[in-house]
């Protein structure tokens, strides 16, 4: 019989590496980093606590019986608490924090967004 389909079977890999900046270390960051890493994106992370992160982040997909169906892993390219180190190279920026913190984060990152990127 054929092996079960995995979550990455239908993902189209980008022809060029895209740099993704994840701003904040909320729950979504812990899932985005492995998923993006498995699809060949470069991931930069802005965290208030960069010392608490490992450079490789793993995420398991489990069924209701807690059996591991798949594991994803992603490496953090730049890990810092400084917007100037994380944001300028980004093609895409994800905010992974409570919504009430967005305004403050956007004000801090605005000077570092590369406006020449397409």
C-alpha atoms as a PDB file:
ATOM      1  CA  UNK A   1       0.000   0.000   0.000  1.00  0.00           C
ATOM      2  CA  UNK A   2       1.025   3.602  -0.502  1.00  0.00           C
ATOM      3  CA  UNK A   3       2.331   5.625   2.435  1.00  0.00           C
ATOM      4  CA  UNK A   4      -0.089   8.223   3.823  1.00  0.00           C
ATOM      5  CA  UNK A   5       0.057  11.670   2.284  1.00  0.00           C
ATOM      6  CA  UNK A   6       1.971  14.178   4.398  1.00  0.00           C
ATOM      7  CA  UNK A   7       1.228  17.867   4.863  1.00  0.00           C
ATOM      8  CA  UNK A   8       4.160  18.900   2.653  1.00  0.00           C
ATOM      9  CA  UNK A   9       3.275  16.714  -0.342  1.00  0.00           C
ATOM     10  CA  UNK A  10       1.346  19.497  -2.073  1.00  0.00           C
ATOM     11  CA  UNK A  11       3.621  22.432  -1.224  1.00  0.00           C
ATOM     12  CA  UNK A  12       5.249  24.210  -4.152  1.00  0.00           C
ATOM     13  CA  UNK A  13       8.822  25.089  -3.277  1.00  0.00           C
ATOM     14  CA  UNK A  14       9.886  28.641  -4.141  1.00  0.00           C
ATOM     15  CA  UNK A  15      12.420  28.972  -6.942  1.00  0.00           C
ATOM     16  CA  UNK A  16      14.301  31.650  -4.969  1.00  0.00           C
ATOM     17  CA  UNK A  17      14.851  31.718  -1.225  1.00  0.00           C
ATOM     18  CA  UNK A  18      12.542  34.152   0.486  1.00  0.00           C
ATOM     19  CA  UNK A  19      13.642  35.806   3.720  1.00  0.00           C
ATOM     20  CA  UNK A  20      10.936  35.866   6.357  1.00  0.00           C
ATOM     21  CA  UNK A  21      11.176  37.996   9.491  1.00  0.00           C
ATOM     22  CA  UNK A  22       9.179  36.753  12.442  1.00  0.00           C
ATOM     23  CA  UNK A  23       8.672  39.552  14.938  1.00  0.00           C
ATOM     24  CA  UNK A  24       7.726  38.236  18.353  1.00  0.00           C
ATOM     25  CA  UNK A  25       8.010  34.834  19.918  1.00  0.00           C
ATOM     26  CA  UNK A  26       4.393  33.928  20.438  1.00  0.00           C
ATOM     27  CA  UNK A  27       2.933  30.479  19.814  1.00  0.00           C
ATOM     28  CA  UNK A  28       2.659  31.080  16.074  1.00  0.00           C
ATOM     29  CA  UNK A  29       6.440  31.604  15.838  1.00  0.00           C
ATOM     30  CA  UNK A  30       7.036  28.118  17.221  1.00  0.00           C
ATOM     31  CA  UNK A  31       5.013  26.657  14.337  1.00  0.00           C
ATOM     32  CA  UNK A  32       5.970  29.060  11.546  1.00  0.00           C
ATOM     33  CA  UNK A  33       9.720  28.584  11.929  1.00  0.00           C
ATOM     34  CA  UNK A  34       9.642  24.801  11.315  1.00  0.00           C
ATOM     35  CA  UNK A  35       7.062  25.044   8.522  1.00  0.00           C
ATOM     36  CA  UNK A  36       8.964  27.818   6.742  1.00  0.00           C
ATOM     37  CA  UNK A  37      12.279  26.048   7.231  1.00  0.00           C
ATOM     38  CA  UNK A  38      10.904  22.895   5.662  1.00  0.00           C
ATOM     39  CA  UNK A  39       9.856  24.906   2.603  1.00  0.00           C
ATOM     40  CA  UNK A  40      13.332  26.405   2.136  1.00  0.00           C
ATOM     41  CA  UNK A  41      12.745  29.929   3.423  1.00  0.00           C
ATOM     42  CA  UNK A  42      15.391  31.868   5.326  1.00  0.00           C
ATOM     43  CA  UNK A  43      13.950  32.754   8.746  1.00  0.00           C
ATOM     44  CA  UNK A  44      15.017  35.675  10.914  1.00  0.00           C
ATOM     45  CA  UNK A  45      13.524  36.010  14.414  1.00  0.00           C
ATOM     46  CA  UNK A  46      13.134  39.066  16.596  1.00  0.00           C
ATOM     47  CA  UNK A  47      12.630  37.967  20.198  1.00  0.00           C
ATOM     48  CA  UNK A  48      12.725  39.858  23.467  1.00  0.00           C
ATOM     49  CA  UNK A  49      14.456  36.749  24.846  1.00  0.00           C
ATOM     50  CA  UNK A  50      16.768  35.468  22.092  1.00  0.00           C
ATOM     51  CA  UNK A  51      18.841  33.518  24.641  1.00  0.00           C
ATOM     52  CA  UNK A  52      15.843  31.213  25.253  1.00  0.00           C
ATOM     53  CA  UNK A  53      15.739  29.944  21.663  1.00  0.00           C
ATOM     54  CA  UNK A  54      17.585  27.061  20.034  1.00  0.00           C
ATOM     55  CA  UNK A  55      18.808  27.763  16.499  1.00  0.00           C
ATOM     56  CA  UNK A  56      16.785  24.785  15.213  1.00  0.00           C
ATOM     57  CA  UNK A  57      13.065  24.668  16.032  1.00  0.00           C
ATOM     58  CA  UNK A  58      11.074  21.443  15.719  1.00  0.00           C
ATOM     59  CA  UNK A  59       7.336  20.890  15.428  1.00  0.00           C
ATOM     60  CA  UNK A  60       5.531  17.546  15.492  1.00  0.00           C
ATOM     61  CA  UNK A  61       2.165  16.912  13.855  1.00  0.00           C
ATOM     62  CA  UNK A  62       0.288  14.344  15.933  1.00  0.00           C
ATOM     63  CA  UNK A  63      -3.012  12.557  15.587  1.00  0.00           C
ATOM     64  CA  UNK A  64      -5.613  12.302  18.348  1.00  0.00           C
ATOM     65  CA  UNK A  65      -3.730   9.316  19.808  1.00  0.00           C
ATOM     66  CA  UNK A  66      -0.592  11.479  20.106  1.00  0.00           C
ATOM     67  CA  UNK A  67       1.179   9.431  17.443  1.00  0.00           C
ATOM     68  CA  UNK A  68       3.663  11.511  15.483  1.00  0.00           C
ATOM     69  CA  UNK A  69       2.542  11.767  11.853  1.00  0.00           C
ATOM     70  CA  UNK A  70       5.227  14.152  10.687  1.00  0.00           C
ATOM     71  CA  UNK A  71       8.025  16.331  12.034  1.00  0.00           C
ATOM     72  CA  UNK A  72       9.128  19.663  10.654  1.00  0.00           C
ATOM     73  CA  UNK A  73      12.255  21.576  11.536  1.00  0.00           C
ATOM     74  CA  UNK A  74      13.567  24.992  10.673  1.00  0.00           C
ATOM     75  CA  UNK A  75      16.754  26.867  11.378  1.00  0.00           C
ATOM     76  CA  UNK A  76      16.852  30.455  12.561  1.00  0.00           C
ATOM     77  CA  UNK A  77      19.251  32.478  10.415  1.00  0.00           C
ATOM     78  CA  UNK A  78      19.330  35.710  12.440  1.00  0.00           C
ATOM     79  CA  UNK A  79      18.185  35.654  16.079  1.00  0.00           C
ATOM     80  CA  UNK A  80      18.177  38.999  17.849  1.00  0.00           C
ATOM     81  CA  UNK A  81      16.255  41.481  19.973  1.00  0.00           C
ATOM     82  CA  UNK A  82      17.304  44.282  17.580  1.00  0.00           C
ATOM     83  CA  UNK A  83      14.942  45.249  14.743  1.00  0.00           C
ATOM     84  CA  UNK A  84      17.925  46.537  12.722  1.00  0.00           C
ATOM     85  CA  UNK A  85      19.367  43.018  12.576  1.00  0.00           C
ATOM     86  CA  UNK A  86      16.144  41.146  11.737  1.00  0.00           C
ATOM     87  CA  UNK A  87      13.905  43.321   9.545  1.00  0.00           C
ATOM     88  CA  UNK A  88      15.945  44.910   6.682  1.00  0.00           C
ATOM     89  CA  UNK A  89      16.488  41.684   4.682  1.00  0.00           C
ATOM     90  CA  UNK A  90      12.863  40.543   5.002  1.00  0.00           C
ATOM     91  CA  UNK A  91      10.689  39.866   1.987  1.00  0.00           C
ATOM     92  CA  UNK A  92       7.809  38.948   4.299  1.00  0.00           C
ATOM     93  CA  UNK A  93       7.158  39.962   7.924  1.00  0.00           C
ATOM     94  CA  UNK A  94       4.938  38.035  10.360  1.00  0.00           C
ATOM     95  CA  UNK A  95       3.879  39.518  13.682  1.00  0.00           C
ATOM     96  CA  UNK A  96       3.690  36.745  16.284  1.00  0.00           C
ATOM     97  CA  UNK A  97       2.454  38.571  19.339  1.00  0.00           C
ATOM     98  CA  UNK A  98      -0.828  39.669  20.905  1.00  0.00           C
ATOM     99  CA  UNK A  99      -2.718  42.092  18.638  1.00  0.00           C
ATOM    100  CA  UNK A 100      -2.586  44.908  21.201  1.00  0.00           C
ATOM    101  CA  UNK A 101       1.225  44.980  20.719  1.00  0.00           C
ATOM    102  CA  UNK A 102       1.086  45.445  16.931  1.00  0.00           C
ATOM    103  CA  UNK A 103       1.086  49.264  16.919  1.00  0.00           C
ATOM    104  CA  UNK A 104       4.186  49.504  19.104  1.00  0.00           C
ATOM    105  CA  UNK A 105       6.025  46.798  17.106  1.00  0.00           C
ATOM    106  CA  UNK A 106       5.139  48.450  13.781  1.00  0.00           C
ATOM    107  CA  UNK A 107       6.451  51.810  15.005  1.00  0.00           C
ATOM    108  CA  UNK A 108       9.732  50.203  16.079  1.00  0.00           C
ATOM    109  CA  UNK A 109      10.220  48.248  12.858  1.00  0.00           C
ATOM    110  CA  UNK A 110       9.123  50.933  10.357  1.00  0.00           C
ATOM    111  CA  UNK A 111      12.554  52.594  10.017  1.00  0.00           C
ATOM    112  CA  UNK A 112      14.135  49.237   9.148  1.00  0.00           C
ATOM    113  CA  UNK A 113      11.709  47.988   6.484  1.00  0.00           C
ATOM    114  CA  UNK A 114      13.468  47.799   3.129  1.00  0.00           C
ATOM    115  CA  UNK A 115      11.172  49.737   0.812  1.00  0.00           C
ATOM    116  CA  UNK A 116      13.104  48.698  -2.320  1.00  0.00           C
ATOM    117  CA  UNK A 117      12.082  45.023  -1.959  1.00  0.00           C
ATOM    118  CA  UNK A 118       9.329  43.809  -4.279  1.00  0.00           C
END
